[in-house]
Protein backbone atom coordinates (compact mmCIF):
# COMPACT_ATOMS: atom_id res chain seq x y z
CA MET A 1 14.18 -27.03 23.45
CA SER A 2 17.84 -24.85 23.02
CA THR A 3 19.51 -24.48 26.60
CA LEU A 4 21.38 -21.35 27.83
CA ASN A 5 24.61 -23.59 27.41
CA GLN A 6 23.75 -24.64 24.27
CA ILE A 7 23.40 -21.16 22.85
CA LYS A 8 26.63 -19.94 24.62
CA LYS A 9 28.56 -22.79 22.89
CA GLU A 10 27.06 -21.79 19.46
CA ILE A 11 27.99 -18.19 20.07
CA GLN A 12 31.63 -19.09 20.99
CA LYS A 13 31.74 -21.51 18.11
CA GLU A 14 30.80 -19.13 15.50
CA ASN A 15 32.34 -15.87 16.85
CA VAL A 16 29.27 -14.26 17.26
CA SER A 17 29.60 -10.45 18.26
CA PHE A 18 25.73 -9.57 18.37
CA VAL A 19 22.23 -10.75 18.54
CA TYR A 20 19.38 -9.17 17.09
CA LEU A 21 16.22 -9.46 19.35
CA GLN A 22 13.56 -9.40 16.68
CA PHE A 23 9.63 -8.75 16.92
CA SER A 24 7.04 -7.47 14.63
CA ASP A 25 4.49 -4.19 14.74
CA LEU A 26 0.90 -4.89 14.21
CA THR A 27 1.60 -3.95 10.58
CA GLY A 28 4.08 -6.93 10.19
CA GLN A 29 6.98 -5.02 9.82
CA LEU A 30 10.18 -6.45 11.16
CA LYS A 31 11.87 -4.35 14.28
CA ASN A 32 14.80 -5.28 16.36
CA VAL A 33 16.94 -4.55 19.30
CA VAL A 34 20.53 -5.44 18.71
CA VAL A 35 22.65 -6.67 22.26
CA ASP A 36 26.33 -7.61 22.56
CA ALA A 37 26.60 -11.47 22.50
CA GLY A 38 28.38 -11.05 25.63
CA ARG A 39 25.35 -10.40 27.49
CA ILE A 40 23.26 -13.36 26.23
CA GLY A 41 23.09 -14.61 29.69
CA GLU A 42 21.25 -11.80 31.46
CA VAL A 43 19.27 -11.02 28.29
CA ILE A 44 17.71 -14.43 28.35
CA GLU A 45 17.07 -14.70 31.85
CA ASN A 46 15.72 -11.19 32.32
CA GLY A 47 14.68 -9.71 28.81
CA VAL A 48 15.52 -6.28 27.48
CA TRP A 49 13.63 -3.06 28.22
CA PHE A 50 12.46 -1.09 25.02
CA ASP A 51 10.25 1.83 24.30
CA GLY A 52 7.01 0.24 23.17
CA SER A 53 5.23 3.90 22.46
CA SER A 54 7.37 4.24 19.36
CA VAL A 55 6.00 0.78 17.56
CA GLU A 56 2.87 1.02 15.54
CA GLY A 57 0.01 -0.39 17.63
CA PHE A 58 1.88 -1.00 20.97
CA ALA A 59 1.24 1.40 23.81
CA ARG A 60 0.58 4.81 24.60
CA ILE A 61 3.32 7.37 25.85
CA ALA A 62 2.25 6.57 29.41
CA GLU A 63 2.64 3.15 28.92
CA SER A 64 5.91 3.02 27.05
CA ASP A 65 8.07 0.39 28.91
CA MET A 66 8.01 -2.86 27.47
CA LEU A 67 10.06 -5.78 28.13
CA LEU A 68 11.53 -8.20 24.96
CA LYS A 69 11.49 -11.69 26.18
CA PRO A 70 13.67 -13.92 23.58
CA ASP A 71 12.35 -17.35 22.52
CA ARG A 72 15.59 -19.56 22.98
CA ASN A 73 14.13 -21.88 20.23
CA THR A 74 14.50 -19.29 17.75
CA PHE A 75 18.32 -18.54 18.10
CA ALA A 76 19.94 -18.92 14.62
CA VAL A 77 23.26 -17.56 13.35
CA ILE A 78 22.53 -15.05 10.44
CA PRO A 79 24.42 -16.70 7.55
CA TRP A 80 25.07 -13.51 5.55
CA SER A 81 26.28 -11.53 8.55
CA PRO A 82 30.08 -10.67 7.91
CA PRO A 83 32.74 -12.92 9.83
CA GLU A 84 34.11 -9.63 11.56
CA ARG A 85 30.66 -8.84 13.15
CA ARG A 86 29.25 -12.32 13.06
CA SER A 87 25.34 -11.98 14.25
CA ALA A 88 22.60 -14.11 15.39
CA ARG A 89 18.89 -13.67 15.78
CA MET A 90 16.41 -14.43 18.48
CA ILE A 91 12.45 -14.04 18.05
CA CYS A 92 11.00 -12.47 21.10
CA ASP A 93 7.63 -12.09 23.14
CA ILE A 94 6.64 -8.55 24.62
CA TYR A 95 5.75 -8.16 28.11
CA ARG A 96 4.88 -5.27 30.17
CA PRO A 97 6.32 -4.20 33.37
CA SER A 98 3.86 -6.09 35.38
CA GLY A 99 4.70 -9.42 33.69
CA ARG A 100 1.64 -10.11 31.95
CA LYS A 101 2.23 -10.71 28.08
CA LEU A 102 1.15 -7.69 25.71
CA THR A 103 -1.87 -8.42 24.26
CA THR A 104 -1.31 -6.50 20.93
CA ASP A 105 1.95 -8.34 20.27
CA PRO A 106 1.22 -10.06 16.92
CA ARG A 107 3.02 -13.38 18.12
CA THR A 108 1.13 -13.15 21.32
CA ILE A 109 -2.16 -12.57 19.35
CA LEU A 110 -1.20 -16.09 17.28
CA LYS A 111 -0.10 -17.78 20.23
CA THR A 112 -3.67 -17.13 22.25
CA GLN A 113 -5.71 -18.77 19.27
CA ILE A 114 -3.13 -21.77 19.15
CA ASP A 115 -3.90 -22.52 22.90
CA LYS A 116 -7.36 -22.30 22.30
CA LEU A 117 -7.15 -24.87 19.56
CA LYS A 118 -5.07 -27.01 22.03
CA LYS A 119 -8.03 -27.14 24.54
CA MET A 120 -9.99 -28.47 21.65
CA GLY A 121 -7.26 -31.33 21.09
CA PHE A 122 -5.70 -30.30 17.42
CA SER A 123 -2.63 -28.64 16.34
CA TYR A 124 -2.71 -25.92 13.23
CA PHE A 125 -0.22 -26.45 10.53
CA THR A 126 0.20 -24.04 7.64
CA GLY A 127 2.55 -23.71 4.74
CA ALA A 128 2.90 -20.49 2.17
CA GLU A 129 3.66 -19.38 -1.29
CA VAL A 130 5.25 -15.95 -1.13
CA GLU A 131 5.34 -14.09 -4.24
CA PHE A 132 8.03 -10.99 -4.87
CA TYR A 133 8.56 -8.69 -7.74
CA LEU A 134 12.43 -7.85 -8.30
CA ILE A 135 12.90 -4.33 -9.91
CA GLU A 136 15.95 -2.25 -10.89
CA ARG A 137 16.97 0.11 -8.14
CA GLU A 138 18.27 2.64 -10.41
CA PHE A 139 15.19 3.50 -12.25
CA LEU A 140 12.98 4.18 -9.07
CA PRO A 141 10.71 5.62 -8.31
CA GLU A 142 9.95 4.18 -11.79
CA ILE A 143 9.28 0.53 -11.43
CA ARG A 144 10.88 -1.17 -14.01
CA PRO A 145 11.06 -5.18 -13.82
CA HIS A 146 14.69 -6.85 -14.05
CA ASP A 147 13.46 -9.34 -16.87
CA ARG A 148 10.47 -9.85 -19.59
CA LYS A 149 10.11 -13.61 -18.44
CA SER A 150 6.79 -15.36 -17.56
CA TYR A 151 5.46 -18.37 -15.73
CA PHE A 152 7.90 -20.92 -14.91
CA ASP A 153 10.43 -19.49 -17.63
CA TYR A 154 14.05 -20.94 -17.27
CA THR A 155 16.89 -18.68 -16.67
CA PRO A 156 20.48 -20.72 -16.47
CA HIS A 157 21.87 -17.77 -14.30
CA SER A 158 20.83 -13.98 -13.54
CA ARG A 159 20.91 -11.90 -10.59
CA ALA A 160 17.16 -12.91 -9.62
CA SER A 161 18.13 -16.73 -9.60
CA THR A 162 21.11 -16.05 -7.50
CA ILE A 163 18.93 -14.27 -4.70
CA CYS A 164 16.39 -16.83 -4.89
CA GLU A 165 18.78 -19.66 -4.62
CA SER A 166 20.87 -17.85 -1.91
CA THR A 167 17.65 -17.39 0.13
CA MET A 168 16.22 -20.87 -0.08
CA LYS A 169 19.67 -22.12 1.13
CA THR A 170 20.30 -19.78 3.79
CA ILE A 171 16.99 -19.74 5.39
CA ALA A 172 17.61 -23.20 6.46
CA ALA A 173 19.83 -21.69 9.20
CA PHE A 174 16.76 -20.71 10.73
CA GLY A 175 14.96 -24.00 10.55
CA ALA A 176 12.81 -23.02 7.47
CA ILE A 177 12.83 -25.06 4.28
CA GLY A 178 12.09 -23.47 0.77
CA GLU A 179 10.76 -26.24 -1.16
CA THR A 180 10.66 -24.66 -4.53
CA HIS A 181 11.19 -21.26 -6.09
CA HIS A 182 10.07 -20.40 -9.97
CA HIS A 183 9.30 -17.26 -12.00
CA GLU A 184 5.87 -16.17 -11.47
CA VAL A 185 3.54 -14.86 -14.29
CA GLY A 186 4.79 -11.25 -14.15
CA ARG A 187 7.58 -9.70 -15.55
CA GLY A 188 10.48 -9.63 -12.69
CA GLN A 189 7.94 -11.79 -10.36
CA HIS A 190 8.90 -14.91 -8.35
CA GLU A 191 7.89 -17.18 -5.91
CA ILE A 192 9.33 -19.19 -2.94
CA ASP A 193 7.21 -21.99 -1.23
CA LEU A 194 7.90 -22.51 2.36
CA ARG A 195 7.24 -26.37 3.71
CA TYR A 196 4.35 -26.82 5.94
CA ASP A 197 5.14 -26.81 9.71
CA SER A 198 3.27 -25.51 13.01
CA ALA A 199 1.54 -22.03 12.37
CA LEU A 200 3.81 -20.39 14.70
CA LYS A 201 6.88 -21.62 13.04
CA THR A 202 5.57 -21.04 9.71
CA ALA A 203 5.00 -17.30 10.96
CA ASP A 204 8.54 -16.77 12.52
CA ASN A 205 9.86 -18.44 8.88
CA ILE A 206 8.01 -15.92 6.87
CA MET A 207 9.55 -13.23 8.62
CA ALA A 208 13.02 -14.90 8.29
CA LEU A 209 12.21 -15.47 4.41
CA LYS A 210 11.73 -11.57 4.07
CA MET A 211 15.02 -10.61 5.90
CA ALA A 212 16.96 -13.14 3.83
CA LEU A 213 15.35 -11.62 0.47
CA LYS A 214 16.34 -8.41 1.41
CA ALA A 215 19.59 -9.29 2.54
CA HIS A 216 20.44 -11.13 -0.85
CA ALA A 217 19.09 -8.40 -2.97
CA ASN A 218 20.96 -5.99 -1.10
CA GLY A 219 24.21 -4.87 -3.71
CA SER A 220 22.78 -6.62 -6.70
CA GLY A 221 21.13 -3.50 -8.15
CA LEU A 222 17.49 -5.00 -7.59
CA LYS A 223 15.03 -4.24 -4.95
CA VAL A 224 12.54 -6.75 -3.44
CA THR A 225 8.82 -5.88 -3.23
CA TRP A 226 5.97 -7.47 -1.62
CA MET A 227 3.59 -4.83 -2.58
CA PRO A 228 0.22 -6.46 -3.60
CA LYS A 229 -0.14 -4.64 -7.04
CA PRO A 230 2.87 -2.83 -7.62
CA ILE A 231 2.70 -2.52 -11.59
CA PHE A 232 -0.65 -1.52 -13.56
CA ASN A 233 -2.21 -4.46 -15.56
CA PHE A 234 0.65 -6.93 -14.01
CA PRO A 235 -0.32 -10.02 -11.48
CA GLY A 236 -0.17 -8.81 -8.25
CA ASN A 237 1.65 -10.41 -5.63
CA GLY A 238 -0.15 -13.07 -3.40
CA MET A 239 0.51 -15.24 -0.38
CA HIS A 240 -1.63 -18.32 -0.58
CA ILE A 241 -1.77 -20.45 2.84
CA HIS A 242 -1.96 -23.87 2.80
CA GLN A 243 -3.89 -25.51 6.21
CA SER A 244 -4.66 -28.48 7.95
CA LEU A 245 -5.39 -29.64 11.52
CA TRP A 246 -3.74 -32.51 13.01
CA LYS A 247 -4.23 -34.95 16.10
CA ASN A 248 -2.00 -37.67 17.53
CA ASN A 249 0.42 -37.16 14.56
CA LYS A 250 -2.96 -37.81 12.14
CA ASN A 251 -4.29 -35.17 9.51
CA ILE A 252 -7.74 -35.08 10.43
CA PHE A 253 -8.76 -32.90 7.71
CA TYR A 254 -8.41 -36.33 5.63
CA ASP A 255 -11.78 -38.62 5.27
CA PRO A 256 -11.38 -41.12 2.42
CA LYS A 257 -15.07 -42.05 2.78
CA SER A 258 -16.56 -38.56 2.34
CA ASP A 259 -16.96 -36.17 -0.91
CA TYR A 260 -13.22 -34.64 -1.48
CA SER A 261 -11.77 -36.61 1.10
CA LEU A 262 -12.71 -33.94 3.43
CA SER A 263 -13.71 -34.75 7.13
CA LYS A 264 -16.67 -33.10 8.86
CA ILE A 265 -14.09 -31.34 11.13
CA SER A 266 -12.48 -29.88 7.68
CA GLN A 267 -15.89 -28.99 6.22
CA TYR A 268 -16.51 -27.10 9.73
CA PHE A 269 -13.13 -25.11 9.22
CA LEU A 270 -13.86 -24.39 5.74
CA ALA A 271 -17.27 -22.93 6.34
CA GLY A 272 -16.14 -20.84 9.32
CA GLN A 273 -13.78 -19.24 6.92
CA LEU A 274 -15.99 -18.68 4.05
CA SER A 275 -18.57 -17.16 6.67
CA HIS A 276 -15.80 -14.74 8.24
CA ALA A 277 -14.19 -14.03 4.74
CA LYS A 278 -14.96 -10.17 4.52
CA ALA A 279 -13.60 -9.44 8.09
CA ILE A 280 -10.53 -11.67 7.72
CA SER A 281 -9.97 -9.22 4.63
CA ALA A 282 -8.91 -6.72 6.36
CA ILE A 283 -6.19 -8.69 8.15
CA VAL A 284 -4.82 -11.09 5.00
CA SER A 285 -4.97 -8.08 2.57
CA PRO A 286 -4.27 -5.00 5.08
CA THR A 287 -3.24 -2.24 2.79
CA VAL A 288 -5.05 0.27 0.34
CA ASN A 289 -2.85 -1.50 -2.51
CA SER A 290 -4.30 -5.11 -1.66
CA TYR A 291 -7.59 -4.16 -3.00
CA LYS A 292 -5.75 -3.35 -6.55
CA ARG A 293 -4.99 -6.71 -6.64
CA LEU A 294 -8.54 -8.47 -5.26
CA VAL A 295 -10.11 -7.84 -8.88
CA PRO A 296 -11.31 -10.31 -11.10
CA GLY A 297 -8.59 -11.90 -13.42
CA PHE A 298 -4.84 -12.57 -12.69
CA GLU A 299 -6.17 -15.42 -10.66
CA ALA A 300 -6.79 -13.29 -7.66
CA PRO A 301 -9.75 -15.01 -5.58
CA VAL A 302 -12.65 -12.25 -5.14
CA TYR A 303 -15.48 -14.58 -4.83
CA ILE A 304 -16.32 -16.10 -1.47
CA CYS A 305 -16.63 -19.82 -2.47
CA TRP A 306 -14.58 -22.98 -2.36
CA GLY A 307 -13.73 -25.50 -4.95
CA GLN A 308 -11.59 -28.45 -5.90
CA ASN A 309 -8.70 -27.01 -7.84
CA ASN A 310 -10.38 -24.02 -8.65
CA ARG A 311 -8.12 -21.19 -8.87
CA SER A 312 -11.15 -18.84 -8.86
CA ALA A 313 -12.68 -19.65 -5.60
CA LEU A 314 -11.46 -17.90 -2.65
CA ILE A 315 -10.71 -21.49 -0.99
CA ARG A 316 -9.33 -24.39 -3.21
CA ILE A 317 -8.72 -28.07 -1.98
CA PRO A 318 -5.71 -28.99 -4.05
CA LYS A 319 -6.07 -32.33 -5.78
CA VAL A 320 -3.03 -34.82 -3.95
CA PRO A 321 -1.81 -38.28 -5.10
CA LYS A 322 -4.21 -40.95 -3.53
CA GLU A 323 -1.19 -42.69 -1.78
CA LYS A 324 -0.47 -39.29 0.01
CA ALA A 325 -3.92 -38.02 0.54
CA HIS A 326 -3.67 -39.02 4.44
CA GLN A 327 -0.82 -36.52 4.68
CA SER A 328 -1.60 -33.91 2.25
CA THR A 329 -5.07 -33.16 2.12
CA ARG A 330 -5.52 -29.45 2.80
CA MET A 331 -6.99 -26.29 1.96
CA GLU A 332 -5.56 -23.17 0.29
CA TYR A 333 -6.83 -19.74 1.23
CA ARG A 334 -6.04 -17.68 -1.64
CA ALA A 335 -6.87 -14.05 -0.70
CA PRO A 336 -3.65 -13.02 1.60
CA ASP A 337 -0.96 -11.04 0.29
CA PRO A 338 2.53 -10.63 1.72
CA SER A 339 1.97 -7.43 3.18
CA ALA A 340 0.02 -9.18 5.73
CA ASN A 341 1.42 -9.56 9.17
CA PRO A 342 1.69 -13.64 9.26
CA TYR A 343 1.12 -13.89 12.58
CA LEU A 344 -2.38 -11.87 12.65
CA ALA A 345 -3.26 -13.55 9.09
CA PHE A 346 -2.85 -17.19 10.79
CA ALA A 347 -4.49 -15.87 13.88
CA ALA A 348 -7.77 -14.82 11.82
CA LEU A 349 -7.92 -17.78 9.87
CA LEU A 350 -7.65 -20.03 12.88
CA ALA A 351 -10.16 -18.21 14.92
CA ALA A 352 -12.69 -18.47 11.74
CA GLY A 353 -12.01 -22.02 11.45
CA MET A 354 -12.63 -22.81 15.04
CA ASP A 355 -15.82 -20.77 15.15
CA GLY A 356 -17.07 -22.91 12.32
CA ILE A 357 -16.19 -26.12 14.44
CA GLU A 358 -17.67 -24.89 17.45
CA LYS A 359 -21.12 -23.94 15.65
CA LYS A 360 -20.55 -26.85 13.26
CA ILE A 361 -21.34 -24.66 10.19
CA LEU A 362 -21.48 -26.78 6.90
CA PRO A 363 -20.09 -24.99 3.54
CA PRO A 364 -22.17 -24.44 0.69
CA LYS A 365 -21.99 -26.62 -2.45
CA PRO A 366 -18.58 -26.16 -3.88
CA ALA A 367 -18.01 -24.31 -7.08
CA ASP A 368 -16.08 -26.09 -9.50
CA ASP A 369 -16.39 -23.69 -12.55
CA ASN A 370 -14.45 -20.51 -13.06
CA VAL A 371 -16.37 -18.15 -11.08
CA TYR A 372 -14.98 -15.10 -13.14
CA PHE A 373 -17.08 -16.26 -16.05
CA PHE A 374 -20.25 -15.85 -13.57
CA ARG A 375 -22.99 -13.25 -14.42
CA GLU A 376 -24.19 -11.33 -11.61
CA ARG A 377 -27.62 -13.17 -12.00
CA LYS A 378 -25.67 -16.40 -11.49
CA LEU A 379 -23.71 -15.17 -8.63
CA ALA A 380 -26.61 -14.03 -6.87
CA ARG A 381 -28.43 -17.50 -7.51
CA GLU A 382 -25.39 -19.37 -6.12
CA LYS A 383 -25.35 -16.99 -3.33
CA ILE A 384 -21.73 -16.50 -3.86
CA GLU A 385 -20.64 -13.06 -2.25
CA THR A 386 -17.69 -10.96 -3.04
CA LEU A 387 -14.84 -10.11 -0.70
CA PRO A 388 -14.37 -6.25 0.11
CA THR A 389 -13.34 -3.98 -2.84
CA THR A 390 -11.60 -1.34 -0.59
CA LEU A 391 -9.73 -1.27 2.62
CA LYS A 392 -12.35 0.85 4.22
CA GLU A 393 -14.92 -1.84 3.32
CA ALA A 394 -12.95 -4.39 4.96
CA ILE A 395 -12.08 -2.33 8.09
CA ASP A 396 -15.84 -1.71 8.51
CA ALA A 397 -16.28 -5.59 7.98
CA LEU A 398 -13.76 -6.40 10.60
CA GLU A 399 -15.29 -4.00 13.20
CA GLN A 400 -18.73 -5.43 13.08
CA ASP A 401 -17.26 -9.12 13.37
CA GLN A 402 -17.08 -10.15 16.91
CA VAL A 403 -15.03 -13.68 16.46
CA ILE A 404 -12.20 -11.92 14.16
CA SER A 405 -12.28 -8.67 15.94
CA SER A 406 -11.79 -10.36 19.29
CA ILE A 407 -8.39 -12.19 18.30
CA PHE A 408 -6.85 -8.44 19.16
CA GLY A 409 -8.44 -8.35 22.62
CA ALA A 410 -7.93 -4.62 23.89
CA GLY A 411 -5.98 -3.83 20.91
CA LYS A 412 -8.72 -3.95 18.36
CA ASP A 413 -9.35 -0.32 18.38
CA GLN A 414 -5.67 0.31 17.99
CA PHE A 415 -5.54 -1.87 14.68
CA LEU A 416 -8.74 -0.12 13.17
CA GLU A 417 -7.22 3.01 13.60
CA ILE A 418 -4.05 2.41 12.24
CA LYS A 419 -6.07 1.17 9.14
CA ARG A 420 -8.38 3.87 9.30
CA GLN A 421 -5.58 6.56 9.27
CA GLU A 422 -4.20 4.68 6.17
CA TRP A 423 -7.48 4.99 4.50
CA LYS A 424 -7.91 8.67 5.07
CA GLU A 425 -4.40 9.48 4.09
CA PHE A 426 -5.23 7.40 0.75
CA SER A 427 -8.41 9.38 0.22
CA CYS A 428 -6.50 12.65 0.35
CA GLN A 429 -4.06 11.75 -2.45
CA VAL A 430 -3.98 12.98 -5.77
CA SER A 431 -2.66 10.10 -8.18
CA SER A 432 -0.92 10.36 -11.55
CA TRP A 433 -4.04 8.56 -12.98
CA GLU A 434 -6.41 11.42 -11.88
CA ILE A 435 -4.06 14.20 -13.12
CA GLU A 436 -3.98 12.63 -16.56
CA LYS A 437 -7.52 11.82 -16.62
CA TYR A 438 -9.25 15.20 -15.22
CA LEU A 439 -6.57 18.10 -15.56
């Protein structure tokens, strides 16, 4: 844990002028309050007050006063900040004037689920594959990808490769490790993979990754977008989540004597996520646009099933080398997209998995064929259901699912209201497709 003296020494050494106190709203938007670095002692000791009523999903006007308390472990100098106003960031937890944590703070929501898991004796580790498009700014609002390349295509040097490589290099300052980056299937589409870590750290790292990508794209003429489906007939942006549970430094998902090397605990965990998948959808695919991505094809999982190395399934069990199976056995939840708030996404997935463990739910038999080719009759025979097809369906499923909606505590209605208002606004819009089709 970083001490106040260590932080002060780092501020002096790096000539830091400002500290960004960061947090996210319920929708996953990064927020911050900037303080003079000279105040860091009193800020860490006492926190900083701010108006929570202006933040999506936090509080009503009559309950506006909120306190930001920085997590000392998240202090990091921002590498791209200019020397003349060098800055650092600290991620904050949010408290009420009473001294109690704000239950609608996304980071607190995740911490609450992690604490429940600790009582079961386990730790939750996650990794993320974050996809995004880089588009030409000068042509906006027309969306024009910066290149015409495709999956894993090689580029010796470009604006995009500079952005991706600079991002991977600088997020190391925040303790995040970018394992790989590559061109994705879509024109102008890319992916950066974050190495697995504790779920809280991975969520913090995803926020740092987005911040870094924006910073390095700035001034390049390109805009980064995590919109789930920005271009018609092009692949959408996903954020596949890799998950495992650990105990006493051992991956308890691994059992060499069972099918697929999956332990009973991992099977319960998997079954819990399948059983709550429809409600989880409202959190991991949280926008109207998310459901333009979740259609058959483009490797987007719409069928609630699982299989080994099957990219048409909602949950995939990646194949790993036998000598690394004791460490690398995991499950990949493929529905999330990068518009999701990572704190809420991990909290929902964890709540579903824990419910499966507590109830000892066993998963159905795996689907090892390409489910996209299944006809309706075969899907019915195999009892394979589909994810919601609209945000409204997902919201309705979340409202009816007590396990997943309970992660919000008293903030459940606030999240539902935000999403219902988004659906209502969308339902009233007239799109260019409608004009072209019906006018």
